[in-house]
Amino acid sequence: MLVLCVISVLSLLSVGLAAPLSCEDLLRPLETNITNHILGKCIFIAVSTEFPGVREYAAKEWVTGWLQISPGLQNNTVKELQTINIGGKCISMTSEMTVENNTFTSMGPLSFSLTYLNTCPDCLLAHQKLSLVNNYRSLYIFSKRKELTSAELEVFKKQVDCLNLPPAVYTNPQKDSCPDTTQDNSKTLDLSKVMELLGDKIDLQKTLEEMISKLQLESNKAD
């Protein structure tokens, strides 16, 4: 998601230099014409997530990636194209979300919602809630730039702490990113098409819930 975020009266960076920000300020949702501000392309910088196993896997395998948001087919929808380099392989995923106020809700195959929070002017901060067995939260930060300043990263870390999420996993945007699939998809696995093929054969959400339950049971036995 390349983004132009709404800058609140209390800009995170400028105010952060003057006085400590409360969690209420750090987690303030974006307001006014949000959809217009999130359209475009930006680079994955980091993620903090509660989803079982994802943090550990991402720390080992996630190299870099990017996200592009474009208008959906209807006025109250947006289309997301995510492309990531995971373990040296490029994977893309296309999804569509409905928009109501500051909440973006997926139209399937998984049930999740996004709320966009205040952040640096050319960044995008997405607080995701995914329902599978339990409600799992994640906080993603994206930017037009390949690197954030130390001050911007410090604000992000505080936002992670305010949400009581695990330490973030950071990508390496300096490495080669995956190609734009609209121009060249020969080297990218389109996960959307794979899920479409599986859709008639399995209930993806139910299958993932069963896998998570099994992982949790094995973890409890190990403890």
C-alpha atoms as a PDB file:
ATOM      1  CA  MET A   1       0.000   0.000   0.000  1.00  0.00           C
ATOM      2  CA  LEU A   2       1.632   3.205  -1.156  1.00  0.00           C
ATOM      3  CA  VAL A   3      -0.085   5.728   1.013  1.00  0.00           C
ATOM      4  CA  LEU A   4      -0.609   9.323   1.947  1.00  0.00           C
ATOM      5  CA  CYS A   5      -1.828   9.114   5.523  1.00  0.00           C
ATOM      6  CA  VAL A   6      -4.042  11.713   7.151  1.00  0.00           C
ATOM      7  CA  ILE A   7      -1.933  13.866   9.456  1.00  0.00           C
ATOM      8  CA  SER A   8      -3.754  14.643  12.677  1.00  0.00           C
ATOM      9  CA  VAL A   9      -3.477  17.922  14.568  1.00  0.00           C
ATOM     10  CA  LEU A  10      -1.021  16.132  16.832  1.00  0.00           C
ATOM     11  CA  SER A  11       1.442  14.726  14.328  1.00  0.00           C
ATOM     12  CA  LEU A  12       3.086  11.635  15.778  1.00  0.00           C
ATOM     13  CA  LEU A  13       6.581  12.726  14.955  1.00  0.00           C
ATOM     14  CA  SER A  14       6.458  16.410  15.734  1.00  0.00           C
ATOM     15  CA  VAL A  15       4.611  15.943  19.000  1.00  0.00           C
ATOM     16  CA  GLY A  16       6.763  12.939  19.854  1.00  0.00           C
ATOM     17  CA  LEU A  17       9.757  15.248  20.025  1.00  0.00           C
ATOM     18  CA  ALA A  18       7.989  17.572  22.425  1.00  0.00           C
ATOM     19  CA  ALA A  19       6.311  15.192  24.860  1.00  0.00           C
ATOM     20  CA  PRO A  20       5.584  11.493  25.357  1.00  0.00           C
ATOM     21  CA  LEU A  21       2.473  10.311  23.556  1.00  0.00           C
ATOM     22  CA  SER A  22      -0.203   8.298  25.289  1.00  0.00           C
ATOM     23  CA  CYS A  23      -1.433   5.006  23.844  1.00  0.00           C
ATOM     24  CA  GLU A  24      -4.666   6.802  22.988  1.00  0.00           C
ATOM     25  CA  ASP A  25      -2.698   9.181  20.746  1.00  0.00           C
ATOM     26  CA  LEU A  26      -0.489   6.427  19.327  1.00  0.00           C
ATOM     27  CA  LEU A  27      -3.481   4.272  18.378  1.00  0.00           C
ATOM     28  CA  ARG A  28      -5.670   7.059  17.042  1.00  0.00           C
ATOM     29  CA  PRO A  29      -7.569   5.879  13.914  1.00  0.00           C
ATOM     30  CA  LEU A  30      -7.232   7.737  10.647  1.00  0.00           C
ATOM     31  CA  GLU A  31     -10.173   9.950   9.811  1.00  0.00           C
ATOM     32  CA  THR A  32     -11.742  11.618   6.758  1.00  0.00           C
ATOM     33  CA  ASN A  33     -11.419  10.276   3.204  1.00  0.00           C
ATOM     34  CA  ILE A  34      -9.370   7.315   4.340  1.00  0.00           C
ATOM     35  CA  THR A  35      -9.877   5.330   1.143  1.00  0.00           C
ATOM     36  CA  ASN A  36      -8.330   8.081  -0.975  1.00  0.00           C
ATOM     37  CA  HIS A  37      -5.274   8.169   1.269  1.00  0.00           C
ATOM     38  CA  ILE A  38      -4.504   4.452   1.200  1.00  0.00           C
ATOM     39  CA  LEU A  39      -4.696   3.984  -2.575  1.00  0.00           C
ATOM     40  CA  GLY A  40      -1.407   3.173  -4.295  1.00  0.00           C
ATOM     41  CA  LYS A  41       1.625   1.007  -3.710  1.00  0.00           C
ATOM     42  CA  CYS A  42       3.983   0.721  -0.758  1.00  0.00           C
ATOM     43  CA  ILE A  43       6.591  -1.549   0.774  1.00  0.00           C
ATOM     44  CA  PHE A  44       6.194  -3.970   3.691  1.00  0.00           C
ATOM     45  CA  ILE A  45       8.385  -2.789   6.572  1.00  0.00           C
ATOM     46  CA  ALA A  46       7.347  -4.902   9.565  1.00  0.00           C
ATOM     47  CA  VAL A  47       4.598  -6.919  11.232  1.00  0.00           C
ATOM     48  CA  SER A  48       3.707  -7.860  14.782  1.00  0.00           C
ATOM     49  CA  THR A  49       1.210 -10.708  15.029  1.00  0.00           C
ATOM     50  CA  GLU A  50      -0.501 -13.070  17.453  1.00  0.00           C
ATOM     51  CA  PHE A  51      -1.281 -15.613  14.732  1.00  0.00           C
ATOM     52  CA  PRO A  52       0.204 -19.001  15.779  1.00  0.00           C
ATOM     53  CA  GLY A  53       3.539 -19.778  14.141  1.00  0.00           C
ATOM     54  CA  VAL A  54       3.490 -16.839  11.726  1.00  0.00           C
ATOM     55  CA  ARG A  55       5.977 -14.685  13.624  1.00  0.00           C
ATOM     56  CA  GLU A  56       8.528 -17.487  13.908  1.00  0.00           C
ATOM     57  CA  TYR A  57       8.164 -18.450  10.253  1.00  0.00           C
ATOM     58  CA  ALA A  58       8.336 -14.852   9.036  1.00  0.00           C
ATOM     59  CA  ALA A  59      11.459 -14.194  11.101  1.00  0.00           C
ATOM     60  CA  LYS A  60      13.216 -16.998   9.225  1.00  0.00           C
ATOM     61  CA  GLU A  61      11.761 -16.741   5.727  1.00  0.00           C
ATOM     62  CA  TRP A  62      10.153 -13.349   5.021  1.00  0.00           C
ATOM     63  CA  VAL A  63      12.532 -11.283   2.877  1.00  0.00           C
ATOM     64  CA  THR A  64      10.504  -8.381   1.531  1.00  0.00           C
ATOM     65  CA  GLY A  65       7.266  -7.508  -0.241  1.00  0.00           C
ATOM     66  CA  TRP A  66       4.873  -4.816  -1.348  1.00  0.00           C
ATOM     67  CA  LEU A  67       1.188  -4.043  -1.345  1.00  0.00           C
ATOM     68  CA  GLN A  68      -1.002  -2.158  -3.789  1.00  0.00           C
ATOM     69  CA  ILE A  69      -4.516  -0.899  -3.084  1.00  0.00           C
ATOM     70  CA  SER A  70      -6.833   0.191  -5.865  1.00  0.00           C
ATOM     71  CA  PRO A  71     -10.540   1.091  -6.076  1.00  0.00           C
ATOM     72  CA  GLY A  72     -12.906  -1.892  -6.070  1.00  0.00           C
ATOM     73  CA  LEU A  73     -15.707  -2.601  -8.495  1.00  0.00           C
ATOM     74  CA  GLN A  74     -18.192  -0.850  -6.201  1.00  0.00           C
ATOM     75  CA  ASN A  75     -17.934   2.503  -4.451  1.00  0.00           C
ATOM     76  CA  ASN A  76     -17.645   0.930  -0.999  1.00  0.00           C
ATOM     77  CA  THR A  77     -14.902  -1.587  -1.883  1.00  0.00           C
ATOM     78  CA  VAL A  78     -11.141  -1.630  -2.424  1.00  0.00           C
ATOM     79  CA  LYS A  79      -8.904  -4.235  -4.049  1.00  0.00           C
ATOM     80  CA  GLU A  80      -5.664  -5.379  -2.444  1.00  0.00           C
ATOM     81  CA  LEU A  81      -2.744  -6.989  -4.260  1.00  0.00           C
ATOM     82  CA  GLN A  82      -0.065  -8.338  -1.936  1.00  0.00           C
ATOM     83  CA  THR A  83       3.214  -9.751  -3.184  1.00  0.00           C
ATOM     84  CA  ILE A  84       5.864 -11.119  -0.831  1.00  0.00           C
ATOM     85  CA  ASN A  85       9.242 -12.789  -1.136  1.00  0.00           C
ATOM     86  CA  ILE A  86       9.064 -15.656   1.340  1.00  0.00           C
ATOM     87  CA  GLY A  87      12.030 -18.008   1.465  1.00  0.00           C
ATOM     88  CA  GLY A  88      13.237 -16.705  -1.899  1.00  0.00           C
ATOM     89  CA  LYS A  89       9.921 -17.458  -3.623  1.00  0.00           C
ATOM     90  CA  CYS A  90       7.411 -14.870  -4.808  1.00  0.00           C
ATOM     91  CA  ILE A  91       3.778 -15.299  -3.761  1.00  0.00           C
ATOM     92  CA  SER A  92       0.903 -12.958  -4.582  1.00  0.00           C
ATOM     93  CA  MET A  93      -2.602 -12.669  -3.194  1.00  0.00           C
ATOM     94  CA  THR A  94      -5.527 -10.572  -4.407  1.00  0.00           C
ATOM     95  CA  SER A  95      -8.490  -9.794  -2.183  1.00  0.00           C
ATOM     96  CA  GLU A  96     -11.377  -7.345  -2.025  1.00  0.00           C
ATOM     97  CA  MET A  97     -12.678  -5.544   1.041  1.00  0.00           C
ATOM     98  CA  THR A  98     -15.787  -3.574   1.844  1.00  0.00           C
ATOM     99  CA  VAL A  99     -15.371  -0.176   3.459  1.00  0.00           C
ATOM    100  CA  GLU A 100     -17.485   1.308   6.224  1.00  0.00           C
ATOM    101  CA  ASN A 101     -16.135   4.340   8.059  1.00  0.00           C
ATOM    102  CA  ASN A 102     -12.600   3.312   9.089  1.00  0.00           C
ATOM    103  CA  THR A 103     -13.219  -0.443   8.970  1.00  0.00           C
ATOM    104  CA  PHE A 104     -12.207  -2.556   5.981  1.00  0.00           C
ATOM    105  CA  THR A 105     -13.693  -6.064   5.996  1.00  0.00           C
ATOM    106  CA  SER A 106     -12.584  -8.946   3.761  1.00  0.00           C
ATOM    107  CA  MET A 107     -15.053 -10.463   1.325  1.00  0.00           C
ATOM    108  CA  GLY A 108     -13.519 -13.935   1.787  1.00  0.00           C
ATOM    109  CA  PRO A 109     -12.301 -16.599   1.892  1.00  0.00           C
ATOM    110  CA  LEU A 110     -11.079 -15.670   5.406  1.00  0.00           C
ATOM    111  CA  SER A 111     -12.889 -13.413   7.856  1.00  0.00           C
ATOM    112  CA  PHE A 112     -10.786 -10.436   8.888  1.00  0.00           C
ATOM    113  CA  SER A 113     -11.070  -6.694   9.301  1.00  0.00           C
ATOM    114  CA  LEU A 114      -8.586  -3.819   9.135  1.00  0.00           C
ATOM    115  CA  THR A 115      -8.479  -0.473  10.882  1.00  0.00           C
ATOM    116  CA  TYR A 116      -5.944   2.121   9.752  1.00  0.00           C
ATOM    117  CA  LEU A 117      -4.154   4.059  12.486  1.00  0.00           C
ATOM    118  CA  ASN A 118      -2.204   7.291  12.515  1.00  0.00           C
ATOM    119  CA  THR A 119       1.466   7.015  11.559  1.00  0.00           C
ATOM    120  CA  CYS A 120       4.217   8.834   9.616  1.00  0.00           C
ATOM    121  CA  PRO A 121       2.972  10.907   6.633  1.00  0.00           C
ATOM    122  CA  ASP A 122       4.099   8.508   3.887  1.00  0.00           C
ATOM    123  CA  CYS A 123       3.438   5.326   5.857  1.00  0.00           C
ATOM    124  CA  LEU A 124       0.410   3.115   6.426  1.00  0.00           C
ATOM    125  CA  LEU A 125      -0.335   1.367   9.706  1.00  0.00           C
ATOM    126  CA  ALA A 126      -2.936  -1.417   9.570  1.00  0.00           C
ATOM    127  CA  HIS A 127      -4.416  -3.081  12.655  1.00  0.00           C
ATOM    128  CA  GLN A 128      -5.844  -6.429  11.524  1.00  0.00           C
ATOM    129  CA  LYS A 129      -8.233  -8.729  13.376  1.00  0.00           C
ATOM    130  CA  LEU A 130      -8.563 -12.288  12.044  1.00  0.00           C
ATOM    131  CA  SER A 131     -11.169 -14.726  13.359  1.00  0.00           C
ATOM    132  CA  LEU A 132      -9.937 -18.348  13.417  1.00  0.00           C
ATOM    133  CA  VAL A 133     -10.625 -20.393  16.576  1.00  0.00           C
ATOM    134  CA  ASN A 134      -9.746 -17.184  18.437  1.00  0.00           C
ATOM    135  CA  ASN A 135      -9.437 -13.556  17.403  1.00  0.00           C
ATOM    136  CA  TYR A 136      -5.850 -12.929  16.309  1.00  0.00           C
ATOM    137  CA  ARG A 137      -4.484  -9.404  15.976  1.00  0.00           C
ATOM    138  CA  SER A 138      -1.677  -8.122  13.798  1.00  0.00           C
ATOM    139  CA  LEU A 139      -0.118  -4.711  13.244  1.00  0.00           C
ATOM    140  CA  TYR A 140       1.467  -4.047   9.832  1.00  0.00           C
ATOM    141  CA  ILE A 141       3.473  -1.001   8.836  1.00  0.00           C
ATOM    142  CA  PHE A 142       4.153  -0.060   5.205  1.00  0.00           C
ATOM    143  CA  SER A 143       5.930   2.875   3.607  1.00  0.00           C
ATOM    144  CA  LYS A 144       6.725   4.474   0.267  1.00  0.00           C
ATOM    145  CA  ARG A 145      10.342   4.405   1.435  1.00  0.00           C
ATOM    146  CA  LYS A 146      12.553   1.367   1.872  1.00  0.00           C
ATOM    147  CA  GLU A 147      13.681   2.551   5.288  1.00  0.00           C
ATOM    148  CA  LEU A 148      12.067   4.366   8.188  1.00  0.00           C
ATOM    149  CA  THR A 149      13.970   6.662  10.501  1.00  0.00           C
ATOM    150  CA  SER A 150      14.955   5.472  13.959  1.00  0.00           C
ATOM    151  CA  ALA A 151      12.369   7.870  15.427  1.00  0.00           C
ATOM    152  CA  GLU A 152       9.607   6.445  13.213  1.00  0.00           C
ATOM    153  CA  LEU A 153      10.559   2.886  14.122  1.00  0.00           C
ATOM    154  CA  GLU A 154      10.539   3.809  17.802  1.00  0.00           C
ATOM    155  CA  VAL A 155       6.967   5.129  17.459  1.00  0.00           C
ATOM    156  CA  PHE A 156       5.963   1.872  15.755  1.00  0.00           C
ATOM    157  CA  LYS A 157       7.503  -0.172  18.570  1.00  0.00           C
ATOM    158  CA  LYS A 158       5.509   1.859  21.099  1.00  0.00           C
ATOM    159  CA  GLN A 159       2.327   1.220  19.101  1.00  0.00           C
ATOM    160  CA  VAL A 160       3.071  -2.508  19.202  1.00  0.00           C
ATOM    161  CA  ASP A 161       3.544  -2.285  22.972  1.00  0.00           C
ATOM    162  CA  CYS A 162       0.307  -0.345  23.402  1.00  0.00           C
ATOM    163  CA  LEU A 163      -1.568  -3.200  21.718  1.00  0.00           C
ATOM    164  CA  ASN A 164       0.278  -5.800  23.847  1.00  0.00           C
ATOM    165  CA  LEU A 165       1.470  -7.558  20.705  1.00  0.00           C
ATOM    166  CA  PRO A 166       4.686  -9.615  20.321  1.00  0.00           C
ATOM    167  CA  PRO A 167       7.901  -7.941  19.080  1.00  0.00           C
ATOM    168  CA  ALA A 168       7.737  -7.111  15.387  1.00  0.00           C
ATOM    169  CA  VAL A 169       9.429  -8.980  12.537  1.00  0.00           C
ATOM    170  CA  TYR A 170      11.176  -6.722  10.007  1.00  0.00           C
ATOM    171  CA  THR A 171      11.648  -7.279   6.292  1.00  0.00           C
ATOM    172  CA  ASN A 172      14.743  -6.431   4.271  1.00  0.00           C
ATOM    173  CA  PRO A 173      13.429  -3.999   1.626  1.00  0.00           C
ATOM    174  CA  GLN A 174      16.944  -3.376   0.316  1.00  0.00           C
ATOM    175  CA  LYS A 175      16.878  -6.825  -1.266  1.00  0.00           C
ATOM    176  CA  ASP A 176      15.239  -7.423  -4.629  1.00  0.00           C
ATOM    177  CA  SER A 177      11.477  -7.369  -4.396  1.00  0.00           C
ATOM    178  CA  CYS A 178       9.143  -9.552  -6.413  1.00  0.00           C
ATOM    179  CA  PRO A 179       8.031  -8.312  -9.850  1.00  0.00           C
ATOM    180  CA  ASP A 180       4.753  -6.542 -10.499  1.00  0.00           C
ATOM    181  CA  THR A 181       2.394  -9.404 -11.324  1.00  0.00           C
ATOM    182  CA  THR A 182       0.375  -7.163 -13.627  1.00  0.00           C
ATOM    183  CA  GLN A 183       3.485  -6.957 -15.816  1.00  0.00           C
ATOM    184  CA  ASP A 184       5.127 -10.355 -15.220  1.00  0.00           C
ATOM    185  CA  ASN A 185       3.554 -13.228 -13.263  1.00  0.00           C
ATOM    186  CA  SER A 186       5.791 -15.979 -14.633  1.00  0.00           C
ATOM    187  CA  LYS A 187       7.888 -16.099 -11.443  1.00  0.00           C
ATOM    188  CA  THR A 188       5.108 -15.570  -8.916  1.00  0.00           C
ATOM    189  CA  LEU A 189       2.717 -18.090  -7.396  1.00  0.00           C
ATOM    190  CA  ASP A 190      -0.786 -16.585  -7.430  1.00  0.00           C
ATOM    191  CA  LEU A 191      -2.230 -17.819  -4.151  1.00  0.00           C
ATOM    192  CA  SER A 192      -5.636 -16.374  -5.069  1.00  0.00           C
ATOM    193  CA  LYS A 193      -5.986 -18.830  -7.945  1.00  0.00           C
ATOM    194  CA  VAL A 194      -4.829 -21.725  -5.766  1.00  0.00           C
ATOM    195  CA  MET A 195      -7.468 -20.861  -3.170  1.00  0.00           C
ATOM    196  CA  GLU A 196     -10.130 -20.607  -5.883  1.00  0.00           C
ATOM    197  CA  LEU A 197      -9.257 -24.111  -7.065  1.00  0.00           C
ATOM    198  CA  LEU A 198      -9.397 -25.448  -3.519  1.00  0.00           C
ATOM    199  CA  GLY A 199     -12.567 -23.561  -2.680  1.00  0.00           C
ATOM    200  CA  ASP A 200     -14.855 -26.194  -4.155  1.00  0.00           C
ATOM    201  CA  LYS A 201     -12.988 -29.000  -2.418  1.00  0.00           C
ATOM    202  CA  ILE A 202     -12.279 -27.730   1.090  1.00  0.00           C
ATOM    203  CA  ASP A 203     -13.588 -25.206   3.588  1.00  0.00           C
ATOM    204  CA  LEU A 204     -10.434 -23.103   3.969  1.00  0.00           C
ATOM    205  CA  GLN A 205     -11.469 -21.426   7.208  1.00  0.00           C
ATOM    206  CA  LYS A 206     -12.502 -24.734   8.815  1.00  0.00           C
ATOM    207  CA  THR A 207      -9.277 -26.417   7.656  1.00  0.00           C
ATOM    208  CA  LEU A 208      -7.118 -23.639   9.134  1.00  0.00           C
ATOM    209  CA  GLU A 209      -9.058 -23.766  12.402  1.00  0.00           C
ATOM    210  CA  GLU A 210      -8.447 -27.504  12.648  1.00  0.00           C
ATOM    211  CA  MET A 211      -4.727 -26.979  11.999  1.00  0.00           C
ATOM    212  CA  ILE A 212      -4.506 -24.246  14.638  1.00  0.00           C
ATOM    213  CA  SER A 213      -6.347 -26.365  17.206  1.00  0.00           C
ATOM    214  CA  LYS A 214      -3.918 -29.215  16.559  1.00  0.00           C
ATOM    215  CA  LEU A 215      -0.914 -26.913  16.950  1.00  0.00           C
ATOM    216  CA  GLN A 216      -2.298 -25.529  20.212  1.00  0.00           C
ATOM    217  CA  LEU A 217      -2.927 -29.035  21.552  1.00  0.00           C
ATOM    218  CA  GLU A 218       0.616 -30.131  20.697  1.00  0.00           C
ATOM    219  CA  SER A 219       1.989 -26.970  22.306  1.00  0.00           C
ATOM    220  CA  ASN A 220       0.026 -27.625  25.514  1.00  0.00           C
ATOM    221  CA  LYS A 221       1.343 -31.188  25.662  1.00  0.00           C
ATOM    222  CA  ALA A 222       4.914 -29.938  25.213  1.00  0.00           C
ATOM    223  CA  ASP A 223       4.447 -27.525  28.128  1.00  0.00           C
END
